[in-house]
PDB file of all heavy atoms in Angstrom:
ATOM      1  N   LEU A   1       0.852  -1.177   0.003  1.00  0.00           N
ATOM      2  CA  LEU A   1       0.001  -0.005  -0.004  1.00  0.00           C
ATOM      3  C   LEU A   1       0.884   1.242  -0.005  1.00  0.00           C
ATOM      4  O   LEU A   1       1.744   1.394   0.873  1.00  0.00           O
ATOM      5  CB  LEU A   1      -0.913   0.009   1.216  1.00  0.00           C
ATOM      6  CG  LEU A   1      -1.913   1.170   1.344  1.00  0.00           C
ATOM      7  CD1 LEU A   1      -2.935   1.129   0.195  1.00  0.00           C
ATOM      8  CD2 LEU A   1      -2.609   1.150   2.695  1.00  0.00           C
ATOM      9  N   LEU A   2       0.679   2.111  -0.985  1.00  0.00           N
ATOM     10  CA  LEU A   2       1.398   3.377  -1.068  1.00  0.00           C
ATOM     11  C   LEU A   2       0.485   4.484  -0.516  1.00  0.00           C
ATOM     12  O   LEU A   2      -0.587   4.722  -1.073  1.00  0.00           O
ATOM     13  CB  LEU A   2       1.769   3.704  -2.515  1.00  0.00           C
ATOM     14  CG  LEU A   2       2.473   2.600  -3.324  1.00  0.00           C
ATOM     15  CD1 LEU A   2       2.694   3.060  -4.759  1.00  0.00           C
ATOM     16  CD2 LEU A   2       3.800   2.209  -2.671  1.00  0.00           C
ATOM     17  N   LEU A   3       0.908   5.133   0.526  1.00  0.00           N
ATOM     18  CA  LEU A   3       0.121   6.200   1.160  1.00  0.00           C
ATOM     19  C   LEU A   3       0.855   7.532   1.001  1.00  0.00           C
ATOM     20  O   LEU A   3       1.941   7.715   1.521  1.00  0.00           O
ATOM     21  CB  LEU A   3      -0.062   5.916   2.670  1.00  0.00           C
ATOM     22  CG  LEU A   3      -1.064   4.827   3.044  1.00  0.00           C
ATOM     23  CD1 LEU A   3      -0.891   4.457   4.526  1.00  0.00           C
ATOM     24  CD2 LEU A   3      -2.469   5.307   2.807  1.00  0.00           C
ATOM     25  N   ASP A   4       0.208   8.448   0.282  1.00  0.00           N
ATOM     26  CA  ASP A   4       0.854   9.748   0.008  1.00  0.00           C
ATOM     27  C   ASP A   4       0.132  10.845   0.796  1.00  0.00           C
ATOM     28  O   ASP A   4      -0.988  11.232   0.477  1.00  0.00           O
ATOM     29  CB  ASP A   4       0.760  10.048  -1.498  1.00  0.00           C
ATOM     30  CG  ASP A   4       1.664  11.195  -1.922  1.00  0.00           C
ATOM     31  OD1 ASP A   4       2.289  11.814  -1.030  1.00  0.00           O
ATOM     32  OD2 ASP A   4       1.783  11.460  -3.129  1.00  0.00           O
ATOM     33  N   GLU A   5       0.773  11.310   1.844  1.00  0.00           N
ATOM     34  CA  GLU A   5       0.284  12.400   2.691  1.00  0.00           C
ATOM     35  C   GLU A   5      -1.127  12.134   3.237  1.00  0.00           C
ATOM     36  O   GLU A   5      -2.043  12.950   3.062  1.00  0.00           O
ATOM     37  CB  GLU A   5       0.286  13.732   1.925  1.00  0.00           C
ATOM     38  CG  GLU A   5       1.627  14.127   1.346  1.00  0.00           C
ATOM     39  CD  GLU A   5       2.619  14.609   2.408  1.00  0.00           C
ATOM     40  OE1 GLU A   5       2.302  14.521   3.612  1.00  0.00           O
ATOM     41  OE2 GLU A   5       3.717  15.067   2.029  1.00  0.00           O
ATOM     42  N   PRO A   6      -1.336  11.014   3.952  1.00  0.00           N
ATOM     43  CA  PRO A   6      -2.686  10.716   4.412  1.00  0.00           C
ATOM     44  C   PRO A   6      -3.213  11.670   5.474  1.00  0.00           C
ATOM     45  O   PRO A   6      -4.436  11.742   5.679  1.00  0.00           O
ATOM     46  CB  PRO A   6      -2.545   9.291   4.973  1.00  0.00           C
ATOM     47  CG  PRO A   6      -1.103   9.155   5.320  1.00  0.00           C
ATOM     48  CD  PRO A   6      -0.376   9.946   4.280  1.00  0.00           C
ATOM     49  N   SER A   7      -2.340  12.396   6.177  1.00  0.00           N
ATOM     50  CA  SER A   7      -2.813  13.307   7.237  1.00  0.00           C
ATOM     51  C   SER A   7      -3.006  14.747   6.755  1.00  0.00           C
ATOM     52  O   SER A   7      -3.412  15.604   7.531  1.00  0.00           O
ATOM     53  CB  SER A   7      -1.845  13.285   8.413  1.00  0.00           C
ATOM     54  OG  SER A   7      -0.692  14.051   8.140  1.00  0.00           O
ATOM     55  N   MET A   8      -2.769  14.983   5.454  1.00  0.00           N
ATOM     56  CA  MET A   8      -2.796  16.359   4.954  1.00  0.00           C
ATOM     57  C   MET A   8      -4.176  16.991   5.160  1.00  0.00           C
ATOM     58  O   MET A   8      -5.202  16.452   4.760  1.00  0.00           O
ATOM     59  CB  MET A   8      -2.453  16.384   3.460  1.00  0.00           C
ATOM     60  CG  MET A   8      -2.524  17.781   2.837  1.00  0.00           C
ATOM     61  SD  MET A   8      -2.173  17.743   1.060  1.00  0.00           S
ATOM     62  CE  MET A   8      -0.430  17.415   1.081  1.00  0.00           C
ATOM     63  N   GLY A   9      -4.202  18.160   5.808  1.00  0.00           N
ATOM     64  CA  GLY A   9      -5.428  18.914   5.965  1.00  0.00           C
ATOM     65  C   GLY A   9      -6.393  18.362   6.987  1.00  0.00           C
ATOM     66  O   GLY A   9      -7.526  18.859   7.084  1.00  0.00           O
ATOM     67  N   LEU A  10      -5.983  17.393   7.796  1.00  0.00           N
ATOM     68  CA  LEU A  10      -6.907  16.788   8.757  1.00  0.00           C
ATOM     69  C   LEU A  10      -6.715  17.380  10.141  1.00  0.00           C
ATOM     70  O   LEU A  10      -5.616  17.784  10.545  1.00  0.00           O
ATOM     71  CB  LEU A  10      -6.664  15.270   8.840  1.00  0.00           C
ATOM     72  CG  LEU A  10      -6.844  14.468   7.554  1.00  0.00           C
ATOM     73  CD1 LEU A  10      -6.730  12.985   7.868  1.00  0.00           C
ATOM     74  CD2 LEU A  10      -8.155  14.767   6.875  1.00  0.00           C
ATOM     75  N   ALA A  11      -7.811  17.412  10.888  1.00  0.00           N
ATOM     76  CA  ALA A  11      -7.751  17.832  12.276  1.00  0.00           C
ATOM     77  C   ALA A  11      -6.935  16.824  13.089  1.00  0.00           C
ATOM     78  O   ALA A  11      -6.869  15.633  12.715  1.00  0.00           O
ATOM     79  CB  ALA A  11      -9.153  17.948  12.857  1.00  0.00           C
ATOM     80  N   PRO A  12      -6.307  17.247  14.198  1.00  0.00           N
ATOM     81  CA  PRO A  12      -5.432  16.355  14.971  1.00  0.00           C
ATOM     82  C   PRO A  12      -6.107  15.030  15.368  1.00  0.00           C
ATOM     83  O   PRO A  12      -5.468  13.978  15.328  1.00  0.00           O
ATOM     84  CB  PRO A  12      -5.058  17.185  16.194  1.00  0.00           C
ATOM     85  CG  PRO A  12      -5.114  18.596  15.704  1.00  0.00           C
ATOM     86  CD  PRO A  12      -6.247  18.638  14.723  1.00  0.00           C
ATOM     87  N   ASN A  13      -7.382  15.086  15.784  1.00  0.00           N
ATOM     88  CA  ASN A  13      -8.029  13.832  16.195  1.00  0.00           C
ATOM     89  C   ASN A  13      -8.189  12.868  15.025  1.00  0.00           C
ATOM     90  O   ASN A  13      -8.088  11.646  15.186  1.00  0.00           O
ATOM     91  CB  ASN A  13      -9.390  14.116  16.849  1.00  0.00           C
ATOM     92  CG  ASN A  13     -10.385  14.732  15.869  1.00  0.00           C
ATOM     93  OD1 ASN A  13     -10.037  15.629  15.108  1.00  0.00           O
ATOM     94  ND2 ASN A  13     -11.633  14.266  15.900  1.00  0.00           N
ATOM     95  N   LEU A  14      -8.406  13.403  13.808  1.00  0.00           N
ATOM     96  CA  LEU A  14      -8.507  12.538  12.629  1.00  0.00           C
ATOM     97  C   LEU A  14      -7.137  12.009  12.215  1.00  0.00           C
ATOM     98  O   LEU A  14      -7.043  10.880  11.725  1.00  0.00           O
ATOM     99  CB  LEU A  14      -9.156  13.303  11.478  1.00  0.00           C
ATOM    100  CG  LEU A  14     -10.656  13.587  11.649  1.00  0.00           C
ATOM    101  CD1 LEU A  14     -11.157  14.457  10.503  1.00  0.00           C
ATOM    102  CD2 LEU A  14     -11.451  12.290  11.723  1.00  0.00           C
ATOM    103  N   VAL A  15      -6.095  12.814  12.412  1.00  0.00           N
ATOM    104  CA  VAL A  15      -4.754  12.318  12.151  1.00  0.00           C
ATOM    105  C   VAL A  15      -4.461  11.096  13.017  1.00  0.00           C
ATOM    106  O   VAL A  15      -3.937  10.074  12.563  1.00  0.00           O
ATOM    107  CB  VAL A  15      -3.695  13.411  12.410  1.00  0.00           C
ATOM    108  CG1 VAL A  15      -2.273  12.836  12.324  1.00  0.00           C
ATOM    109  CG2 VAL A  15      -3.855  14.554  11.423  1.00  0.00           C
ATOM    110  N   ASP A  16      -4.847  11.179  14.288  1.00  0.00           N
ATOM    111  CA  ASP A  16      -4.644  10.046  15.209  1.00  0.00           C
ATOM    112  C   ASP A  16      -5.386   8.813  14.709  1.00  0.00           C
ATOM    113  O   ASP A  16      -4.878   7.688  14.794  1.00  0.00           O
ATOM    114  CB  ASP A  16      -5.126  10.425  16.622  1.00  0.00           C
ATOM    115  CG  ASP A  16      -4.229  11.473  17.277  1.00  0.00           C
ATOM    116  OD1 ASP A  16      -3.095  11.668  16.792  1.00  0.00           O
ATOM    117  OD2 ASP A  16      -4.678  12.097  18.257  1.00  0.00           O
ATOM    118  N   GLN A  17      -6.598   9.009  14.186  1.00  0.00           N
ATOM    119  CA  GLN A  17      -7.376   7.879  13.675  1.00  0.00           C
ATOM    120  C   GLN A  17      -6.694   7.239  12.470  1.00  0.00           C
ATOM    121  O   GLN A  17      -6.620   6.013  12.356  1.00  0.00           O
ATOM    122  CB  GLN A  17      -8.771   8.329  13.289  1.00  0.00           C
ATOM    123  CG  GLN A  17      -9.678   8.671  14.465  1.00  0.00           C
ATOM    124  CD  GLN A  17     -11.077   9.068  14.015  1.00  0.00           C
ATOM    125  OE1 GLN A  17     -11.628   8.512  13.081  1.00  0.00           O
ATOM    126  NE2 GLN A  17     -11.647  10.060  14.677  1.00  0.00           N
ATOM    127  N   VAL A  18      -6.212   8.082  11.561  1.00  0.00           N
ATOM    128  CA  VAL A  18      -5.541   7.556  10.364  1.00  0.00           C
ATOM    129  C   VAL A  18      -4.293   6.788  10.732  1.00  0.00           C
ATOM    130  O   VAL A  18      -4.026   5.692  10.238  1.00  0.00           O
ATOM    131  CB  VAL A  18      -5.212   8.715   9.396  1.00  0.00           C
ATOM    132  CG1 VAL A  18      -4.278   8.224   8.280  1.00  0.00           C
ATOM    133  CG2 VAL A  18      -6.491   9.275   8.773  1.00  0.00           C
ATOM    134  N   ILE A  19      -3.489   7.349  11.674  1.00  0.00           N
ATOM    135  CA  ILE A  19      -2.274   6.668  12.109  1.00  0.00           C
ATOM    136  C   ILE A  19      -2.602   5.335  12.771  1.00  0.00           C
ATOM    137  O   ILE A  19      -1.917   4.331  12.552  1.00  0.00           O
ATOM    138  CB  ILE A  19      -1.485   7.573  13.087  1.00  0.00           C
ATOM    139  CG1 ILE A  19      -0.950   8.821  12.352  1.00  0.00           C
ATOM    140  CG2 ILE A  19      -0.322   6.806  13.726  1.00  0.00           C
ATOM    141  CD1 ILE A  19       0.007   8.531  11.217  1.00  0.00           C
ATOM    142  N   ALA A  20      -3.693   5.303  13.553  1.00  0.00           N
ATOM    143  CA  ALA A  20      -4.089   4.050  14.202  1.00  0.00           C
ATOM    144  C   ALA A  20      -4.481   3.000  13.165  1.00  0.00           C
ATOM    145  O   ALA A  20      -4.172   1.825  13.325  1.00  0.00           O
ATOM    146  CB  ALA A  20      -5.246   4.320  15.174  1.00  0.00           C
ATOM    147  N   VAL A  21      -5.171   3.426  12.092  1.00  0.00           N
ATOM    148  CA  VAL A  21      -5.552   2.503  11.046  1.00  0.00           C
ATOM    149  C   VAL A  21      -4.329   1.964  10.329  1.00  0.00           C
ATOM    150  O   VAL A  21      -4.224   0.756  10.040  1.00  0.00           O
ATOM    151  CB  VAL A  21      -6.518   3.167  10.040  1.00  0.00           C
ATOM    152  CG1 VAL A  21      -6.650   2.335   8.766  1.00  0.00           C
ATOM    153  CG2 VAL A  21      -7.887   3.391  10.675  1.00  0.00           C
ATOM    154  N   ILE A  22      -3.349   2.835  10.046  1.00  0.00           N
ATOM    155  CA  ILE A  22      -2.141   2.389   9.372  1.00  0.00           C
ATOM    156  C   ILE A  22      -1.426   1.347  10.226  1.00  0.00           C
ATOM    157  O   ILE A  22      -0.958   0.305   9.733  1.00  0.00           O
ATOM    158  CB  ILE A  22      -1.210   3.587   9.089  1.00  0.00           C
ATOM    159  CG1 ILE A  22      -1.866   4.537   8.087  1.00  0.00           C
ATOM    160  CG2 ILE A  22       0.138   3.117   8.564  1.00  0.00           C
ATOM    161  CD1 ILE A  22      -1.137   5.858   7.918  1.00  0.00           C
ATOM    162  N   ARG A  23      -1.363   1.601  11.523  1.00  0.00           N
ATOM    163  CA  ARG A  23      -0.714   0.647  12.435  1.00  0.00           C
ATOM    164  C   ARG A  23      -1.466  -0.696  12.419  1.00  0.00           C
ATOM    165  O   ARG A  23      -0.837  -1.767  12.406  1.00  0.00           O
ATOM    166  CB  ARG A  23      -0.685   1.218  13.841  1.00  0.00           C
ATOM    167  CG  ARG A  23       0.309   0.497  14.781  1.00  0.00           C
ATOM    168  CD  ARG A  23       0.072   0.948  16.207  1.00  0.00           C
ATOM    169  NE  ARG A  23       0.230   2.379  16.378  1.00  0.00           N
ATOM    170  CZ  ARG A  23       1.380   2.972  16.704  1.00  0.00           C
ATOM    171  NH1 ARG A  23       2.465   2.234  16.864  1.00  0.00           N
ATOM    172  NH2 ARG A  23       1.437   4.288  16.864  1.00  0.00           N
ATOM    173  N   SER A  24      -2.807  -0.639  12.429  1.00  0.00           N
ATOM    174  CA  SER A  24      -3.571  -1.873  12.441  1.00  0.00           C
ATOM    175  C   SER A  24      -3.414  -2.669  11.144  1.00  0.00           C
ATOM    176  O   SER A  24      -3.405  -3.901  11.145  1.00  0.00           O
ATOM    177  CB  SER A  24      -5.059  -1.586  12.703  1.00  0.00           C
ATOM    178  OG  SER A  24      -5.670  -0.960  11.574  1.00  0.00           O
ATOM    179  N   LEU A  25      -3.270  -1.949  10.005  1.00  0.00           N
ATOM    180  CA  LEU A  25      -3.066  -2.620   8.724  1.00  0.00           C
ATOM    181  C   LEU A  25      -1.728  -3.361   8.717  1.00  0.00           C
ATOM    182  O   LEU A  25      -1.611  -4.475   8.180  1.00  0.00           O
ATOM    183  CB  LEU A  25      -3.120  -1.609   7.588  1.00  0.00           C
ATOM    184  CG  LEU A  25      -4.496  -0.991   7.306  1.00  0.00           C
ATOM    185  CD1 LEU A  25      -4.381   0.120   6.274  1.00  0.00           C
ATOM    186  CD2 LEU A  25      -5.491  -2.070   6.839  1.00  0.00           C
ATOM    187  N   LYS A  26      -0.710  -2.732   9.310  1.00  0.00           N
ATOM    188  CA  LYS A  26       0.568  -3.424   9.420  1.00  0.00           C
ATOM    189  C   LYS A  26       0.440  -4.667  10.283  1.00  0.00           C
ATOM    190  O   LYS A  26       0.995  -5.741   9.962  1.00  0.00           O
ATOM    191  CB  LYS A  26       1.625  -2.500  10.019  1.00  0.00           C
ATOM    192  CG  LYS A  26       3.011  -3.167  10.024  1.00  0.00           C
ATOM    193  CD  LYS A  26       3.925  -2.605  11.059  1.00  0.00           C
ATOM    194  CE  LYS A  26       5.205  -3.460  11.088  1.00  0.00           C
ATOM    195  NZ  LYS A  26       6.151  -3.015  12.095  1.00  0.00           N
TER     196      LYS A  26
END
């Protein structure tokens, strides 16, 4: 999976959600 700037323009709480999903995918 290639992820290009997944947190761009997101509020901090949504950034945390995206990072958590990336970790779970790994």
